[in-house]
């Protein structure tokens, strides 16, 4: 997936995940784990 002039793995599918991926050393597995943890722990009413 392309975005901001970069190419991302197909599993990195949202802007939030792209930001995580860029800031977590381009570690795809860690990005997915952190993204899932954020989604799982988001308070009611928070954007999902």
N, C-alpha and C. Protein backbone atom coordinates (compact mmCIF):
# COMPACT_ATOMS: atom_id res chain seq x y z
N UNK A 1 0.84 -1.17 0.00
CA UNK A 1 0.00 0.00 0.00
C UNK A 1 0.89 1.24 0.00
N UNK A 2 0.56 2.20 -0.84
CA UNK A 2 1.34 3.43 -0.91
C UNK A 2 0.70 4.50 -0.05
N UNK A 3 1.51 5.42 0.38
CA UNK A 3 1.01 6.56 1.14
C UNK A 3 2.17 7.44 1.56
N UNK A 4 1.96 8.72 1.48
CA UNK A 4 2.99 9.69 1.88
C UNK A 4 4.33 9.41 1.17
N UNK A 5 4.27 8.92 -0.06
CA UNK A 5 5.49 8.67 -0.81
C UNK A 5 6.20 7.40 -0.42
N UNK A 6 5.60 6.59 0.44
CA UNK A 6 6.22 5.35 0.90
C UNK A 6 5.37 4.16 0.48
N UNK A 7 5.99 3.00 0.46
CA UNK A 7 5.27 1.76 0.20
C UNK A 7 5.19 0.99 1.51
N UNK A 8 3.97 0.55 1.85
CA UNK A 8 3.73 -0.16 3.10
C UNK A 8 3.28 -1.59 2.80
N UNK A 9 3.54 -2.51 3.74
CA UNK A 9 3.01 -3.86 3.59
C UNK A 9 1.47 -3.80 3.50
N UNK A 10 0.87 -4.77 2.85
CA UNK A 10 -0.59 -4.75 2.67
C UNK A 10 -1.34 -4.82 4.00
N UNK A 11 -0.72 -5.33 5.05
CA UNK A 11 -1.38 -5.40 6.36
C UNK A 11 -1.44 -4.04 7.04
N UNK A 12 -0.66 -3.09 6.59
CA UNK A 12 -0.65 -1.74 7.15
C UNK A 12 -1.64 -0.93 6.33
N UNK A 13 -2.91 -0.89 6.82
CA UNK A 13 -4.00 -0.44 5.96
C UNK A 13 -4.68 0.86 6.37
N UNK A 14 -4.28 1.46 7.48
CA UNK A 14 -4.90 2.72 7.90
C UNK A 14 -3.82 3.77 8.15
N UNK A 15 -4.24 5.01 8.21
CA UNK A 15 -3.27 6.08 8.48
C UNK A 15 -2.64 5.89 9.86
N UNK A 16 -3.44 5.46 10.83
CA UNK A 16 -2.90 5.21 12.16
C UNK A 16 -1.85 4.13 12.16
N UNK A 17 -2.11 3.06 11.42
CA UNK A 17 -1.14 1.97 11.33
C UNK A 17 0.12 2.42 10.61
N UNK A 18 -0.04 3.27 9.61
CA UNK A 18 1.14 3.79 8.91
C UNK A 18 2.01 4.61 9.86
N UNK A 19 1.38 5.42 10.70
CA UNK A 19 2.13 6.21 11.67
C UNK A 19 2.85 5.30 12.66
N UNK A 20 2.16 4.27 13.15
CA UNK A 20 2.80 3.32 14.05
C UNK A 20 3.98 2.65 13.36
N UNK A 21 3.77 2.17 12.17
CA UNK A 21 4.80 1.47 11.41
C UNK A 21 6.04 2.35 11.23
N UNK A 22 5.82 3.59 10.87
CA UNK A 22 6.94 4.52 10.68
C UNK A 22 7.69 4.78 11.99
N UNK A 23 6.95 4.80 13.11
CA UNK A 23 7.56 5.14 14.40
C UNK A 23 8.02 3.93 15.20
N UNK A 24 7.72 2.73 14.73
CA UNK A 24 8.15 1.52 15.41
C UNK A 24 9.22 0.78 14.61
N UNK A 25 10.02 1.54 13.91
CA UNK A 25 11.15 0.96 13.19
C UNK A 25 10.76 0.08 12.02
N UNK A 26 9.59 0.36 11.43
CA UNK A 26 9.09 -0.39 10.29
C UNK A 26 8.95 -1.89 10.62
N UNK A 27 8.56 -2.15 11.88
CA UNK A 27 8.36 -3.51 12.37
C UNK A 27 6.88 -3.85 12.20
N UNK A 28 6.58 -4.63 11.17
CA UNK A 28 5.20 -4.94 10.82
C UNK A 28 4.47 -5.70 11.93
N UNK A 29 5.09 -6.72 12.49
CA UNK A 29 4.45 -7.52 13.55
C UNK A 29 4.15 -6.67 14.78
N UNK A 30 5.10 -5.84 15.19
CA UNK A 30 4.89 -4.97 16.34
C UNK A 30 3.79 -3.96 16.06
N UNK A 31 3.76 -3.41 14.86
CA UNK A 31 2.72 -2.46 14.48
C UNK A 31 1.34 -3.08 14.64
N UNK A 32 1.18 -4.29 14.16
CA UNK A 32 -0.12 -4.97 14.25
C UNK A 32 -0.49 -5.23 15.70
N UNK A 33 0.46 -5.66 16.51
CA UNK A 33 0.19 -5.92 17.93
C UNK A 33 -0.22 -4.65 18.66
N UNK A 34 0.49 -3.55 18.42
CA UNK A 34 0.17 -2.28 19.09
C UNK A 34 -1.19 -1.79 18.61
N UNK A 35 -1.44 -1.87 17.32
CA UNK A 35 -2.73 -1.43 16.77
C UNK A 35 -3.89 -2.22 17.40
N UNK A 36 -3.74 -3.53 17.50
CA UNK A 36 -4.77 -4.37 18.10
C UNK A 36 -4.98 -4.01 19.57
N UNK A 37 -3.90 -3.75 20.29
CA UNK A 37 -4.00 -3.38 21.70
C UNK A 37 -4.73 -2.06 21.87
N UNK A 38 -4.44 -1.10 21.01
CA UNK A 38 -5.11 0.20 21.08
C UNK A 38 -6.60 0.02 20.80
N UNK A 39 -6.94 -0.74 19.77
CA UNK A 39 -8.34 -0.97 19.42
C UNK A 39 -9.07 -1.70 20.55
N UNK A 40 -8.43 -2.67 21.14
CA UNK A 40 -9.03 -3.49 22.20
C UNK A 40 -9.27 -2.66 23.46
N UNK A 41 -8.42 -1.70 23.73
CA UNK A 41 -8.50 -0.93 24.97
C UNK A 41 -9.11 0.46 24.81
N UNK A 42 -9.58 0.78 23.62
CA UNK A 42 -10.18 2.09 23.38
C UNK A 42 -11.46 2.25 24.22
N UNK A 43 -11.62 3.38 24.83
CA UNK A 43 -12.81 3.67 25.63
C UNK A 43 -14.02 3.81 24.72
N UNK A 44 -15.21 3.54 25.26
CA UNK A 44 -16.45 3.72 24.50
C UNK A 44 -16.53 5.14 23.96
N UNK A 45 -16.95 5.26 22.73
CA UNK A 45 -17.08 6.57 22.09
C UNK A 45 -15.83 7.05 21.39
N UNK A 46 -14.70 6.36 21.62
CA UNK A 46 -13.46 6.74 20.93
C UNK A 46 -13.55 6.26 19.49
N UNK A 47 -12.95 6.98 18.59
CA UNK A 47 -12.98 6.60 17.17
C UNK A 47 -12.39 5.22 16.97
N UNK A 48 -13.07 4.43 16.16
CA UNK A 48 -12.57 3.08 15.87
C UNK A 48 -12.48 2.86 14.40
